[in-house]
Amino acid sequence: MRSEDLADRYKDYIDCLNAQDWGNLGRFVGEQVQYNGETIGLAGYRRMLEGDFQAIPDLRFNIELLVSEPPRVAARLHFDCKPKGVLFGLPVNGKRVAFAENVFYEFQDGRICEVWSVIDKAAIQAQL
């Protein structure tokens, strides 16, 4: 897959997340996907994302930086939201916070097979 095609595929994945189109998540994420070194599978990945949207009703994934070098994508995602309660162990409780996630993906056969994610919890803590 060319770099431009992989970048477009990733953008379509982000659109799927923002639409909460869980029925199509398997078009972008592999059955045996790993998240931060742990195999959680597509069902576990979906549960994780659904939980994120339950905790953060106004969650929206915004691509701030995107680098595509097949078979990998690196992205910096920006979030500006109001989580309902505790977020990443921090008592946000409805306060608006902005933070970033630096995330790396590996694709296989057009679907995400591995995800490595680091959330900027320090940025959230500094706003509380």
C-alpha atoms as a PDB file:
ATOM      1  CA  MET A   1       0.000   0.000   0.000  1.00  0.00           C
ATOM      2  CA  ARG A   2       1.337   3.429  -0.916  1.00  0.00           C
ATOM      3  CA  SER A   3       1.897   6.035   1.790  1.00  0.00           C
ATOM      4  CA  GLU A   4      -0.965   8.224   0.529  1.00  0.00           C
ATOM      5  CA  ASP A   5      -3.348   5.264   0.407  1.00  0.00           C
ATOM      6  CA  LEU A   6      -2.450   4.231   3.949  1.00  0.00           C
ATOM      7  CA  ALA A   7      -2.958   7.802   5.190  1.00  0.00           C
ATOM      8  CA  ASP A   8      -6.384   7.894   3.525  1.00  0.00           C
ATOM      9  CA  ARG A   9      -7.248   4.520   5.068  1.00  0.00           C
ATOM     10  CA  TYR A  10      -6.287   5.879   8.498  1.00  0.00           C
ATOM     11  CA  LYS A  11      -8.444   8.986   8.010  1.00  0.00           C
ATOM     12  CA  ASP A  12     -11.377   6.734   7.102  1.00  0.00           C
ATOM     13  CA  TYR A  13     -10.724   4.799  10.350  1.00  0.00           C
ATOM     14  CA  ILE A  14     -10.841   8.050  12.347  1.00  0.00           C
ATOM     15  CA  ASP A  15     -14.121   8.963  10.611  1.00  0.00           C
ATOM     16  CA  CYS A  16     -15.471   5.535  11.651  1.00  0.00           C
ATOM     17  CA  LEU A  17     -14.519   6.232  15.275  1.00  0.00           C
ATOM     18  CA  ASN A  18     -16.039   9.708  15.297  1.00  0.00           C
ATOM     19  CA  ALA A  19     -19.272   8.327  13.814  1.00  0.00           C
ATOM     20  CA  GLN A  20     -19.219   5.508  16.392  1.00  0.00           C
ATOM     21  CA  ASP A  21     -19.864   3.200  13.455  1.00  0.00           C
ATOM     22  CA  TRP A  22     -18.958   0.049  15.399  1.00  0.00           C
ATOM     23  CA  GLY A  23     -20.439  -2.254  12.767  1.00  0.00           C
ATOM     24  CA  ASN A  24     -17.722  -1.159  10.330  1.00  0.00           C
ATOM     25  CA  LEU A  25     -14.828  -1.145  12.803  1.00  0.00           C
ATOM     26  CA  GLY A  26     -13.695  -4.560  11.520  1.00  0.00           C
ATOM     27  CA  ARG A  27     -13.027  -3.000   8.107  1.00  0.00           C
ATOM     28  CA  PHE A  28     -10.155  -1.113   9.750  1.00  0.00           C
ATOM     29  CA  VAL A  29      -9.080  -3.247  12.733  1.00  0.00           C
ATOM     30  CA  GLY A  30      -7.872  -6.838  12.612  1.00  0.00           C
ATOM     31  CA  GLU A  31      -9.445  -9.695  14.576  1.00  0.00           C
ATOM     32  CA  GLN A  32      -6.302 -10.214  16.680  1.00  0.00           C
ATOM     33  CA  VAL A  33      -5.350  -6.564  17.204  1.00  0.00           C
ATOM     34  CA  GLN A  34      -2.808  -5.804  19.918  1.00  0.00           C
ATOM     35  CA  TYR A  35      -2.984  -2.679  22.067  1.00  0.00           C
ATOM     36  CA  ASN A  36       0.191  -1.630  23.910  1.00  0.00           C
ATOM     37  CA  GLY A  37       1.581  -5.152  23.642  1.00  0.00           C
ATOM     38  CA  GLU A  38      -1.554  -7.022  24.727  1.00  0.00           C
ATOM     39  CA  THR A  39      -3.766  -8.965  22.341  1.00  0.00           C
ATOM     40  CA  ILE A  40      -7.278  -7.659  22.981  1.00  0.00           C
ATOM     41  CA  GLY A  41      -8.866  -8.646  19.686  1.00  0.00           C
ATOM     42  CA  LEU A  42     -11.441  -6.719  17.714  1.00  0.00           C
ATOM     43  CA  ALA A  43     -14.153  -7.265  20.338  1.00  0.00           C
ATOM     44  CA  GLY A  44     -11.911  -5.951  23.127  1.00  0.00           C
ATOM     45  CA  TYR A  45     -10.838  -2.991  21.005  1.00  0.00           C
ATOM     46  CA  ARG A  46     -14.475  -2.141  20.325  1.00  0.00           C
ATOM     47  CA  ARG A  47     -15.342  -2.412  24.048  1.00  0.00           C
ATOM     48  CA  MET A  48     -12.440  -0.082  24.863  1.00  0.00           C
ATOM     49  CA  LEU A  49     -13.654   2.513  22.359  1.00  0.00           C
ATOM     50  CA  GLU A  50     -17.282   2.235  23.461  1.00  0.00           C
ATOM     51  CA  GLY A  51     -16.108   2.778  27.044  1.00  0.00           C
ATOM     52  CA  ASP A  52     -14.187   5.865  25.954  1.00  0.00           C
ATOM     53  CA  PHE A  53     -17.341   7.347  24.400  1.00  0.00           C
ATOM     54  CA  GLN A  54     -19.388   6.491  27.500  1.00  0.00           C
ATOM     55  CA  ALA A  55     -16.853   8.252  29.738  1.00  0.00           C
ATOM     56  CA  ILE A  56     -16.494  11.174  27.311  1.00  0.00           C
ATOM     57  CA  PRO A  57     -19.845  11.857  25.579  1.00  0.00           C
ATOM     58  CA  ASP A  58     -18.383  14.655  23.421  1.00  0.00           C
ATOM     59  CA  LEU A  59     -15.285  12.677  22.409  1.00  0.00           C
ATOM     60  CA  ARG A  60     -13.933  13.523  18.971  1.00  0.00           C
ATOM     61  CA  PHE A  61     -10.678  12.279  17.459  1.00  0.00           C
ATOM     62  CA  ASN A  62      -8.858  15.147  15.723  1.00  0.00           C
ATOM     63  CA  ILE A  63      -5.732  14.419  13.700  1.00  0.00           C
ATOM     64  CA  GLU A  64      -3.110  17.026  14.530  1.00  0.00           C
ATOM     65  CA  LEU A  65      -0.137  15.299  12.881  1.00  0.00           C
ATOM     66  CA  LEU A  66      -0.034  12.286  10.589  1.00  0.00           C
ATOM     67  CA  VAL A  67       2.957  10.432   9.174  1.00  0.00           C
ATOM     68  CA  SER A  68       2.454   7.419   6.947  1.00  0.00           C
ATOM     69  CA  GLU A  69       5.284   5.047   6.160  1.00  0.00           C
ATOM     70  CA  PRO A  70       3.793   1.691   5.207  1.00  0.00           C
ATOM     71  CA  PRO A  71       3.054  -0.529   6.981  1.00  0.00           C
ATOM     72  CA  ARG A  72       2.998   2.016   9.824  1.00  0.00           C
ATOM     73  CA  VAL A  73       1.152   5.213  10.668  1.00  0.00           C
ATOM     74  CA  ALA A  74       2.152   7.656  13.392  1.00  0.00           C
ATOM     75  CA  ALA A  75      -0.336  10.244  14.590  1.00  0.00           C
ATOM     76  CA  ARG A  76      -0.736  12.926  17.201  1.00  0.00           C
ATOM     77  CA  LEU A  77      -4.409  13.149  18.058  1.00  0.00           C
ATOM     78  CA  HIS A  78      -5.882  16.154  19.811  1.00  0.00           C
ATOM     79  CA  PHE A  79      -8.844  16.013  22.171  1.00  0.00           C
ATOM     80  CA  ASP A  80     -10.859  18.891  23.652  1.00  0.00           C
ATOM     81  CA  CYS A  81     -13.676  17.413  25.701  1.00  0.00           C
ATOM     82  CA  LYS A  82     -15.634  17.173  28.957  1.00  0.00           C
ATOM     83  CA  PRO A  83     -15.269  13.699  30.506  1.00  0.00           C
ATOM     84  CA  LYS A  84     -18.061  12.780  32.924  1.00  0.00           C
ATOM     85  CA  GLY A  85     -16.010  11.500  35.842  1.00  0.00           C
ATOM     86  CA  VAL A  86     -12.583   9.989  36.343  1.00  0.00           C
ATOM     87  CA  LEU A  87     -10.368   9.924  33.250  1.00  0.00           C
ATOM     88  CA  PHE A  88      -7.116   7.944  33.254  1.00  0.00           C
ATOM     89  CA  GLY A  89      -7.256   7.943  37.051  1.00  0.00           C
ATOM     90  CA  LEU A  90      -7.756  11.722  37.232  1.00  0.00           C
ATOM     91  CA  PRO A  91     -10.939  13.309  38.708  1.00  0.00           C
ATOM     92  CA  VAL A  92     -12.019  15.422  35.723  1.00  0.00           C
ATOM     93  CA  ASN A  93     -15.729  15.332  36.653  1.00  0.00           C
ATOM     94  CA  GLY A  94     -17.173  17.318  33.754  1.00  0.00           C
ATOM     95  CA  LYS A  95     -14.413  19.904  33.451  1.00  0.00           C
ATOM     96  CA  ARG A  96     -13.295  20.715  29.899  1.00  0.00           C
ATOM     97  CA  VAL A  97      -9.777  19.451  29.250  1.00  0.00           C
ATOM     98  CA  ALA A  98      -7.513  19.411  26.211  1.00  0.00           C
ATOM     99  CA  PHE A  99      -4.839  16.788  25.722  1.00  0.00           C
ATOM    100  CA  ALA A 100      -3.006  14.784  23.096  1.00  0.00           C
ATOM    101  CA  GLU A 101      -2.402  11.151  22.311  1.00  0.00           C
ATOM    102  CA  ASN A 102       0.710  10.030  20.455  1.00  0.00           C
ATOM    103  CA  VAL A 103      -0.127   6.775  18.743  1.00  0.00           C
ATOM    104  CA  PHE A 104       1.571   4.391  16.353  1.00  0.00           C
ATOM    105  CA  TYR A 105      -0.239   1.792  14.271  1.00  0.00           C
ATOM    106  CA  GLU A 106       0.912  -1.142  12.219  1.00  0.00           C
ATOM    107  CA  PHE A 107      -1.287  -2.305   9.364  1.00  0.00           C
ATOM    108  CA  GLN A 108      -1.490  -5.768   7.860  1.00  0.00           C
ATOM    109  CA  ASP A 109      -3.707  -6.506   4.862  1.00  0.00           C
ATOM    110  CA  GLY A 110      -5.216  -3.021   5.137  1.00  0.00           C
ATOM    111  CA  ARG A 111      -6.246  -3.375   8.792  1.00  0.00           C
ATOM    112  CA  ILE A 112      -4.694  -2.286  12.069  1.00  0.00           C
ATOM    113  CA  CYS A 113      -2.909  -5.179  13.757  1.00  0.00           C
ATOM    114  CA  GLU A 114      -0.927  -3.305  16.435  1.00  0.00           C
ATOM    115  CA  VAL A 115      -1.441  -0.051  18.329  1.00  0.00           C
ATOM    116  CA  TRP A 116       1.008   1.689  20.655  1.00  0.00           C
ATOM    117  CA  SER A 117      -0.542   4.624  22.505  1.00  0.00           C
ATOM    118  CA  VAL A 118       0.709   7.227  24.972  1.00  0.00           C
ATOM    119  CA  ILE A 119      -1.775   9.733  26.439  1.00  0.00           C
ATOM    120  CA  ASP A 120      -0.503  13.073  27.770  1.00  0.00           C
ATOM    121  CA  LYS A 121      -1.949  12.645  31.271  1.00  0.00           C
ATOM    122  CA  ALA A 122       0.331  15.440  32.576  1.00  0.00           C
ATOM    123  CA  ALA A 123      -1.538  17.941  30.374  1.00  0.00           C
ATOM    124  CA  ILE A 124      -4.854  16.839  31.889  1.00  0.00           C
ATOM    125  CA  GLN A 125      -3.492  16.978  35.425  1.00  0.00           C
ATOM    126  CA  ALA A 126      -2.142  20.500  34.875  1.00  0.00           C
ATOM    127  CA  GLN A 127      -5.647  21.696  33.929  1.00  0.00           C
ATOM    128  CA  LEU A 128      -7.341  20.325  37.046  1.00  0.00           C
END
